[in-house]
Amino acid sequence: MQILTILSALLLSGSALAIRATYDNTYDNPHGSMNSVACSNGENGLVGRFPTFHDVPNFPYIGGASAIEGWNSPQCGSCWRISYKDKSIYVTAIDFAGDGFNLSQEALDDLTGNNAVKLVIAKDGRYSSKSCKLLRTTSMDL
C-alpha cells in the first residue's frame, strides 16, 4: 500500500477548505469488498447496494473521508468535490480517513494530471449524492 500526503498550506478562496489527502491502492481494486471499510453494514452501510468497490457508480472515485468517524457513520456514501488548480473530481466517501481524504491512486492521479506523488494544495466541499452518480439523496446533502 502506497500512501502519499497532499498537504494544504494555504486557506483557499470560497467556502472550500484546504485539505490533506492521501492515496491508497486498496481503493483501486474493483473487487475490493465493501465489508472491508467503515461503511460496510448497519443502518448507514453501503454493502447492500454496493457489495464491491466497482459497484459504486463513480468507481474509482472513492475513498475515505475525515467526515466518516467510524463504522456506520451517517456520512457513508457522502459526495465530495475535491479540486486542485483548475481540475475537480467528485468522490464518494466509503471509509474513515483520519485527517482529510484517502483516495484511490487513479482518482488522485486524475485530479493532479498523473502527479499524485507530488505535493499539491487541494480544496474540498460537500456536494449532492447526484454529483457522485448516486441516485439516493439524504438530508445531509447540500
Protein backbone atom coordinates (compact mmCIF):
# COMPACT_ATOMS: atom_id res chain seq x y z
CA MET A 1 0.00 0.00 0.00
CA GLN A 2 1.45 3.32 -1.03
CA ILE A 3 0.37 6.46 0.69
CA LEU A 4 1.09 10.00 -0.41
CA THR A 5 0.36 13.07 1.61
CA ILE A 6 -1.06 16.13 -0.06
CA LEU A 7 -0.70 18.91 2.45
CA SER A 8 -2.62 22.11 2.31
CA ALA A 9 -0.54 25.16 3.05
CA LEU A 10 -3.00 27.91 2.28
CA LEU A 11 -6.58 28.80 3.02
CA LEU A 12 -8.28 28.67 -0.37
CA SER A 13 -10.98 31.01 -1.56
CA GLY A 14 -14.72 30.40 -1.32
CA SER A 15 -16.37 28.07 1.13
CA ALA A 16 -14.00 25.22 0.28
CA LEU A 17 -11.33 24.34 2.79
CA ALA A 18 -7.69 23.46 2.27
CA ILE A 19 -7.23 19.73 2.89
CA ARG A 20 -4.74 16.95 3.47
CA ALA A 21 -5.23 13.95 1.19
CA THR A 22 -3.54 10.60 0.64
CA TYR A 23 -3.92 7.75 -1.78
CA ASP A 24 -4.23 4.08 -1.02
CA ASN A 25 -4.17 1.48 -3.80
CA THR A 26 -6.72 -0.58 -1.85
CA TYR A 27 -9.43 1.66 -3.32
CA ASP A 28 -8.19 0.98 -6.88
CA ASN A 29 -9.20 -2.70 -6.63
CA PRO A 30 -12.57 -3.14 -8.40
CA HIS A 31 -13.12 -6.39 -6.50
CA GLY A 32 -12.47 -4.80 -3.10
CA SER A 33 -15.21 -5.75 -0.64
CA MET A 34 -17.39 -3.09 0.92
CA ASN A 35 -17.22 -5.31 4.02
CA SER A 36 -13.59 -4.18 4.44
CA VAL A 37 -14.41 -0.50 5.07
CA ALA A 38 -16.18 1.55 7.74
CA CYS A 39 -19.29 1.90 5.56
CA SER A 40 -19.88 -1.84 5.37
CA ASN A 41 -23.14 -2.67 7.10
CA GLY A 42 -25.50 -1.19 9.64
CA GLU A 43 -28.24 1.37 9.10
CA ASN A 44 -25.90 3.62 7.09
CA GLY A 45 -23.89 0.81 5.50
CA LEU A 46 -23.36 0.54 1.76
CA VAL A 47 -22.72 -3.20 1.28
CA GLY A 48 -26.38 -3.93 0.46
CA ARG A 49 -26.27 -1.55 -2.50
CA PHE A 50 -22.60 -1.83 -3.44
CA PRO A 51 -21.05 -5.21 -2.49
CA THR A 52 -17.72 -4.36 -4.18
CA PHE A 53 -15.92 -1.10 -4.86
CA HIS A 54 -16.65 -1.41 -8.59
CA ASP A 55 -20.38 -1.36 -7.80
CA VAL A 56 -20.14 2.24 -6.55
CA PRO A 57 -21.38 4.27 -9.54
CA ASN A 58 -18.38 6.60 -9.74
CA PHE A 59 -15.65 4.00 -9.06
CA PRO A 60 -12.66 4.52 -8.85
CA TYR A 61 -13.52 7.93 -7.41
CA ILE A 62 -13.95 6.50 -3.92
CA GLY A 63 -12.09 6.60 -0.64
CA GLY A 64 -12.05 7.60 2.96
CA ALA A 65 -13.04 10.97 4.38
CA SER A 66 -12.48 12.55 7.77
CA ALA A 67 -16.25 13.19 7.88
CA ILE A 68 -16.68 9.44 8.41
CA GLU A 69 -15.84 8.96 12.06
CA GLY A 70 -16.12 5.17 12.01
CA TRP A 71 -18.40 2.22 11.34
CA ASN A 72 -21.99 3.01 10.30
CA SER A 73 -21.41 6.75 10.02
CA PRO A 74 -24.31 8.83 8.69
CA GLN A 75 -21.74 10.28 6.26
CA CYS A 76 -21.33 6.92 4.47
CA GLY A 77 -21.91 7.49 0.76
CA SER A 78 -21.50 11.26 1.03
CA CYS A 79 -20.24 13.02 -2.08
CA TRP A 80 -17.30 15.43 -2.09
CA ARG A 81 -15.82 17.65 -4.78
CA ILE A 82 -12.05 17.85 -4.47
CA SER A 83 -10.24 20.47 -6.52
CA TYR A 84 -6.64 21.11 -7.50
CA LYS A 85 -5.74 24.08 -9.68
CA ASP A 86 -8.45 24.14 -12.39
CA LYS A 87 -9.46 20.46 -12.05
CA SER A 88 -12.18 18.97 -9.83
CA ILE A 89 -13.31 15.40 -9.19
CA TYR A 90 -16.29 14.03 -7.27
CA VAL A 91 -15.52 11.33 -4.71
CA THR A 92 -17.87 9.01 -2.81
CA ALA A 93 -16.80 8.55 0.82
CA ILE A 94 -16.87 4.89 1.85
CA ASP A 95 -14.34 4.73 4.68
CA PHE A 96 -12.67 6.51 7.58
CA ALA A 97 -9.65 8.63 6.64
CA GLY A 98 -8.49 10.31 9.82
CA ASP A 99 -7.47 13.77 8.62
CA GLY A 100 -8.73 14.85 5.19
CA PHE A 101 -9.19 12.27 2.42
CA ASN A 102 -7.68 8.91 1.45
CA LEU A 103 -8.48 8.20 -2.22
CA SER A 104 -7.72 5.68 -4.92
CA GLN A 105 -4.48 6.49 -6.72
CA GLU A 106 -6.38 6.64 -10.01
CA ALA A 107 -8.64 9.38 -8.64
CA LEU A 108 -5.72 11.36 -7.25
CA ASP A 109 -3.76 10.95 -10.49
CA ASP A 110 -6.76 12.22 -12.45
CA LEU A 111 -7.06 15.22 -10.16
CA THR A 112 -3.37 16.12 -10.39
CA GLY A 113 -2.61 15.22 -14.02
CA ASN A 114 -0.79 11.99 -13.08
CA ASN A 115 1.16 13.74 -10.34
CA ALA A 116 -0.30 12.04 -7.27
CA VAL A 117 3.23 11.51 -5.96
CA LYS A 118 3.96 15.25 -5.82
CA LEU A 119 3.00 17.69 -3.12
CA VAL A 120 -0.08 19.71 -4.10
CA ILE A 121 -2.59 22.03 -2.48
CA ALA A 122 -6.19 20.90 -2.84
CA LYS A 123 -9.59 22.01 -1.58
CA ASP A 124 -12.83 20.19 -0.88
CA GLY A 125 -16.55 20.76 -0.50
CA ARG A 126 -19.63 18.64 0.22
CA TYR A 127 -21.96 18.00 -2.74
CA SER A 128 -25.21 16.27 -3.58
CA SER A 129 -25.11 12.49 -3.97
CA LYS A 130 -26.20 13.04 -7.57
CA SER A 131 -22.78 14.56 -8.31
CA CYS A 132 -21.28 11.16 -7.49
CA LYS A 133 -23.87 9.37 -9.65
CA LEU A 134 -25.73 8.07 -6.57
CA LEU A 135 -29.48 8.10 -7.00
CA ARG A 136 -30.40 8.27 -3.32
CA THR A 137 -30.09 11.62 -1.63
CA THR A 138 -30.13 12.23 2.08
CA SER A 139 -30.89 15.14 4.36
CA MET A 140 -27.12 15.54 4.70
CA ASP A 141 -26.76 16.55 1.05
CA LEU A 142 -26.01 20.19 0.32
